[in-house]
C-alpha atoms as a PDB file:
ATOM      1  CA  TYR A   1     -45.768 -90.111-204.775  1.00  0.00           C
ATOM      2  CA  PRO A   2     -44.398 -91.837-201.669  1.00  0.00           C
ATOM      3  CA  ARG A   3     -46.012 -90.407-198.512  1.00  0.00           C
ATOM      4  CA  SER A   4     -45.698 -90.639-194.765  1.00  0.00           C
ATOM      5  CA  SER A   5     -47.929 -89.531-191.863  1.00  0.00           C
ATOM      6  CA  HIS A   6     -51.040 -89.853-194.078  1.00  0.00           C
ATOM      7  CA  THR A   7     -54.231 -91.881-193.746  1.00  0.00           C
ATOM      8  CA  ALA A   8     -55.488 -94.652-196.014  1.00  0.00           C
ATOM      9  CA  THR A   9     -59.173 -95.526-195.678  1.00  0.00           C
ATOM     10  CA  VAL A  10     -60.867 -98.442-197.447  1.00  0.00           C
ATOM     11  CA  LEU A  11     -64.179 -97.261-198.878  1.00  0.00           C
ATOM     12  CA  LYS A  12     -67.339 -99.368-199.256  1.00  0.00           C
ATOM     13  CA  ASP A  13     -66.579 -99.948-202.962  1.00  0.00           C
ATOM     14  CA  GLY A  14     -63.105-101.328-202.124  1.00  0.00           C
ATOM     15  CA  LYS A  15     -61.186 -98.262-203.284  1.00  0.00           C
ATOM     16  CA  VAL A  16     -58.693 -96.651-200.908  1.00  0.00           C
ATOM     17  CA  LEU A  17     -58.829 -92.950-200.021  1.00  0.00           C
ATOM     18  CA  VAL A  18     -55.403 -91.489-199.161  1.00  0.00           C
ATOM     19  CA  THR A  19     -55.399 -88.081-197.472  1.00  0.00           C
ATOM     20  CA  GLY A  20     -52.722 -85.596-196.452  1.00  0.00           C
ATOM     21  CA  GLY A  21     -49.379 -86.633-195.057  1.00  0.00           C
ATOM     22  CA  THR A  22     -45.946 -85.558-196.192  1.00  0.00           C
ATOM     23  CA  ILE A  23     -44.081 -85.904-199.472  1.00  0.00           C
ATOM     24  CA  ASN A  24     -40.385 -85.052-199.346  1.00  0.00           C
ATOM     25  CA  ARG A  25     -40.882 -83.568-195.851  1.00  0.00           C
ATOM     26  CA  THR A  26     -43.567 -81.159-197.125  1.00  0.00           C
ATOM     27  CA  SER A  27     -47.078 -81.464-195.670  1.00  0.00           C
ATOM     28  CA  GLN A  28     -49.844 -82.092-198.187  1.00  0.00           C
ATOM     29  CA  ASN A  29     -53.513 -81.254-198.653  1.00  0.00           C
ATOM     30  CA  THR A  30     -53.963 -83.648-201.573  1.00  0.00           C
ATOM     31  CA  VAL A  31     -56.493 -86.472-201.666  1.00  0.00           C
ATOM     32  CA  GLU A  32     -55.939 -89.483-203.906  1.00  0.00           C
ATOM     33  CA  LEU A  33     -58.010 -92.542-204.671  1.00  0.00           C
ATOM     34  CA  TYR A  34     -56.443 -95.949-205.317  1.00  0.00           C
ATOM     35  CA  ASP A  35     -58.413 -98.605-207.174  1.00  0.00           C
ATOM     36  CA  PRO A  36     -56.900-102.015-206.357  1.00  0.00           C
ATOM     37  CA  SER A  37     -58.957-103.722-209.086  1.00  0.00           C
ATOM     38  CA  THR A  38     -57.132-101.712-211.787  1.00  0.00           C
ATOM     39  CA  GLY A  39     -53.979-100.721-209.871  1.00  0.00           C
ATOM     40  CA  THR A  40     -54.552 -97.059-210.734  1.00  0.00           C
ATOM     41  CA  TRP A  41     -54.337 -93.838-208.737  1.00  0.00           C
ATOM     42  CA  SER A  42     -56.365 -90.686-209.335  1.00  0.00           C
ATOM     43  CA  ILE A  43     -56.372 -87.270-207.701  1.00  0.00           C
ATOM     44  CA  THR A  44     -59.812 -86.625-206.297  1.00  0.00           C
ATOM     45  CA  GLY A  45     -59.508 -83.228-204.637  1.00  0.00           C
ATOM     46  CA  ASN A  46     -57.787 -81.306-201.884  1.00  0.00           C
ATOM     47  CA  LEU A  47     -58.273 -80.906-198.181  1.00  0.00           C
ATOM     48  CA  ASN A  48     -58.912 -77.365-196.952  1.00  0.00           C
ATOM     49  CA  ASN A  49     -55.860 -77.707-194.701  1.00  0.00           C
ATOM     50  CA  ARG A  50     -52.528 -79.451-195.074  1.00  0.00           C
ATOM     51  CA  ARG A  51     -52.643 -82.292-192.523  1.00  0.00           C
ATOM     52  CA  VAL A  52     -50.282 -84.848-191.038  1.00  0.00           C
ATOM     53  CA  TRP A  53     -50.942 -87.360-188.228  1.00  0.00           C
ATOM     54  CA  HIS A  54     -54.702 -86.866-188.583  1.00  0.00           C
ATOM     55  CA  THR A  55     -57.457 -89.477-188.450  1.00  0.00           C
ATOM     56  CA  ALA A  56     -59.837 -90.578-191.186  1.00  0.00           C
ATOM     57  CA  SER A  57     -62.925 -92.607-190.314  1.00  0.00           C
ATOM     58  CA  ILE A  58     -65.536 -94.042-192.648  1.00  0.00           C
ATOM     59  CA  LEU A  59     -69.047 -93.176-191.516  1.00  0.00           C
ATOM     60  CA  THR A  60     -72.164 -95.334-191.904  1.00  0.00           C
ATOM     61  CA  ASN A  61     -73.331 -93.139-194.801  1.00  0.00           C
ATOM     62  CA  GLY A  62     -70.094 -93.831-196.723  1.00  0.00           C
ATOM     63  CA  ARG A  63     -68.530 -90.428-196.162  1.00  0.00           C
ATOM     64  CA  VAL A  64     -65.063 -90.148-194.634  1.00  0.00           C
ATOM     65  CA  LEU A  65     -64.501 -87.840-191.668  1.00  0.00           C
ATOM     66  CA  VAL A  66     -60.974 -86.392-191.599  1.00  0.00           C
ATOM     67  CA  ALA A  67     -60.157 -84.850-188.246  1.00  0.00           C
ATOM     68  CA  GLY A  68     -57.363 -83.142-186.334  1.00  0.00           C
ATOM     69  CA  GLY A  69     -53.695 -83.660-186.926  1.00  0.00           C
ATOM     70  CA  LEU A  70     -50.987 -81.094-187.386  1.00  0.00           C
ATOM     71  CA  GLY A  71     -51.127 -78.263-189.886  1.00  0.00           C
ATOM     72  CA  GLU A  72     -48.836 -75.448-190.892  1.00  0.00           C
ATOM     73  CA  ALA A  73     -49.813 -73.391-187.825  1.00  0.00           C
ATOM     74  CA  GLY A  74     -49.824 -76.233-185.299  1.00  0.00           C
ATOM     75  CA  ILE A  75     -52.482 -78.582-183.946  1.00  0.00           C
ATOM     76  CA  LEU A  76     -55.702 -78.593-185.991  1.00  0.00           C
ATOM     77  CA  SER A  77     -59.102 -78.772-184.303  1.00  0.00           C
ATOM     78  CA  SER A  78     -60.998 -78.766-187.603  1.00  0.00           C
ATOM     79  CA  THR A  79     -62.701 -81.577-189.515  1.00  0.00           C
ATOM     80  CA  GLU A  80     -63.426 -82.217-193.184  1.00  0.00           C
ATOM     81  CA  LEU A  81     -65.778 -84.600-194.991  1.00  0.00           C
ATOM     82  CA  TYR A  82     -65.067 -86.578-198.143  1.00  0.00           C
ATOM     83  CA  ASP A  83     -68.204 -87.607-200.035  1.00  0.00           C
END
């Protein structure tokens, strides 16, 4: 689905992790993985919180740290890890 206010993080294997954002003006907690070698998308899980305008940073161990942003109740101070 088309999104806005999400993050897209290139993983070490070349796949792209897309987290949160909005779809049709509704905030999301979905996490999708795009494989550019096959052109396919797959749902890979959910964030604990719906997030927009957050950050996602790949760590040296390959995990992705998702932090902050806005949630349903306002500014989020929480973090989540994708492994």
